[in-house]
């Protein structure tokens, strides 16, 4: 497994975890849902920007999101 493939796979996992946390935040009334969800969205946006950069160097990884790495 190349280093870029490993990084891409770990970024995919991080995005999945962040998405799951978003759903949990919505169930926690004591948190500022809107602000926290916005922060998670910004983090996910940054993940996607990093992946875009990876795909410029390894376009074959672009379709690996649906594959088991």
C-alpha atoms as a PDB file:
ATOM      1  CA  UNK A   1       0.000   0.000   0.000  1.00  0.00           C
ATOM      2  CA  UNK A   2       1.462   3.319  -1.006  1.00  0.00           C
ATOM      3  CA  UNK A   3       1.677   6.159   1.461  1.00  0.00           C
ATOM      4  CA  UNK A   4      -0.894   8.216  -0.478  1.00  0.00           C
ATOM      5  CA  UNK A   5      -3.287   5.260  -0.484  1.00  0.00           C
ATOM      6  CA  UNK A   6      -2.851   4.916   3.284  1.00  0.00           C
ATOM      7  CA  UNK A   7      -3.452   8.628   3.837  1.00  0.00           C
ATOM      8  CA  UNK A   8      -6.522   8.558   1.592  1.00  0.00           C
ATOM      9  CA  UNK A   9      -7.926   5.551   3.423  1.00  0.00           C
ATOM     10  CA  UNK A  10      -7.390   7.160   6.820  1.00  0.00           C
ATOM     11  CA  UNK A  11      -9.008  10.394   5.605  1.00  0.00           C
ATOM     12  CA  UNK A  12     -12.016   8.366   4.440  1.00  0.00           C
ATOM     13  CA  UNK A  13     -12.253   6.812   7.904  1.00  0.00           C
ATOM     14  CA  UNK A  14     -11.970  10.231   9.552  1.00  0.00           C
ATOM     15  CA  UNK A  15     -14.792  11.600   7.366  1.00  0.00           C
ATOM     16  CA  UNK A  16     -17.020   8.657   8.314  1.00  0.00           C
ATOM     17  CA  UNK A  17     -16.329   9.209  12.012  1.00  0.00           C
ATOM     18  CA  UNK A  18     -17.006  12.946  11.731  1.00  0.00           C
ATOM     19  CA  UNK A  19     -20.307  12.212   9.991  1.00  0.00           C
ATOM     20  CA  UNK A  20     -21.284   9.855  12.810  1.00  0.00           C
ATOM     21  CA  UNK A  21     -20.374  12.496  15.395  1.00  0.00           C
ATOM     22  CA  UNK A  22     -22.611  15.007  13.616  1.00  0.00           C
ATOM     23  CA  UNK A  23     -25.596  12.725  14.172  1.00  0.00           C
ATOM     24  CA  UNK A  24     -24.668  12.294  17.844  1.00  0.00           C
ATOM     25  CA  UNK A  25     -24.328  16.063  18.333  1.00  0.00           C
ATOM     26  CA  UNK A  26     -27.873  16.494  17.029  1.00  0.00           C
ATOM     27  CA  UNK A  27     -29.038  14.227  19.860  1.00  0.00           C
ATOM     28  CA  UNK A  28     -27.180  16.239  22.537  1.00  0.00           C
ATOM     29  CA  UNK A  29     -29.391  19.248  23.368  1.00  0.00           C
ATOM     30  CA  UNK A  30     -26.798  20.705  25.740  1.00  0.00           C
ATOM     31  CA  UNK A  31     -24.405  21.358  22.838  1.00  0.00           C
ATOM     32  CA  UNK A  32     -24.598  24.264  20.428  1.00  0.00           C
ATOM     33  CA  UNK A  33     -25.664  22.033  17.561  1.00  0.00           C
ATOM     34  CA  UNK A  34     -25.430  24.571  14.762  1.00  0.00           C
ATOM     35  CA  UNK A  35     -21.943  25.805  15.685  1.00  0.00           C
ATOM     36  CA  UNK A  36     -20.525  22.339  16.317  1.00  0.00           C
ATOM     37  CA  UNK A  37     -21.974  20.905  13.127  1.00  0.00           C
ATOM     38  CA  UNK A  38     -20.499  23.839  11.202  1.00  0.00           C
ATOM     39  CA  UNK A  39     -17.080  23.080  12.699  1.00  0.00           C
ATOM     40  CA  UNK A  40     -17.379  19.447  11.643  1.00  0.00           C
ATOM     41  CA  UNK A  41     -18.434  20.512   8.145  1.00  0.00           C
ATOM     42  CA  UNK A  42     -15.317  22.678   7.913  1.00  0.00           C
ATOM     43  CA  UNK A  43     -13.160  19.744   9.012  1.00  0.00           C
ATOM     44  CA  UNK A  44     -14.765  17.494   6.405  1.00  0.00           C
ATOM     45  CA  UNK A  45     -14.246  20.165   3.755  1.00  0.00           C
ATOM     46  CA  UNK A  46     -10.557  20.217   4.624  1.00  0.00           C
ATOM     47  CA  UNK A  47     -10.415  16.429   4.368  1.00  0.00           C
ATOM     48  CA  UNK A  48     -11.910  16.646   0.878  1.00  0.00           C
ATOM     49  CA  UNK A  49      -9.371  19.315  -0.128  1.00  0.00           C
ATOM     50  CA  UNK A  50      -6.516  17.064   0.963  1.00  0.00           C
ATOM     51  CA  UNK A  51      -8.055  14.162  -0.944  1.00  0.00           C
ATOM     52  CA  UNK A  52      -8.392  16.360  -4.039  1.00  0.00           C
ATOM     53  CA  UNK A  53      -4.660  16.973  -3.821  1.00  0.00           C
ATOM     54  CA  UNK A  54      -4.010  13.244  -3.441  1.00  0.00           C
ATOM     55  CA  UNK A  55      -6.171  12.483  -6.497  1.00  0.00           C
ATOM     56  CA  UNK A  56      -4.118  14.905  -8.587  1.00  0.00           C
ATOM     57  CA  UNK A  57      -1.109  12.653  -7.939  1.00  0.00           C
ATOM     58  CA  UNK A  58      -2.938   9.302  -7.867  1.00  0.00           C
ATOM     59  CA  UNK A  59      -6.181   9.553  -9.854  1.00  0.00           C
ATOM     60  CA  UNK A  60      -6.771   5.811  -9.433  1.00  0.00           C
ATOM     61  CA  UNK A  61      -7.492   6.431  -5.741  1.00  0.00           C
ATOM     62  CA  UNK A  62     -10.468   8.655  -6.586  1.00  0.00           C
ATOM     63  CA  UNK A  63     -12.749   5.645  -6.909  1.00  0.00           C
ATOM     64  CA  UNK A  64     -11.327   3.845  -3.878  1.00  0.00           C
ATOM     65  CA  UNK A  65     -13.918   5.427  -1.542  1.00  0.00           C
ATOM     66  CA  UNK A  66     -16.328   2.570  -2.165  1.00  0.00           C
ATOM     67  CA  UNK A  67     -13.647  -0.115  -2.014  1.00  0.00           C
ATOM     68  CA  UNK A  68     -12.252  -1.764   1.064  1.00  0.00           C
ATOM     69  CA  UNK A  69      -8.682  -0.536   1.500  1.00  0.00           C
END
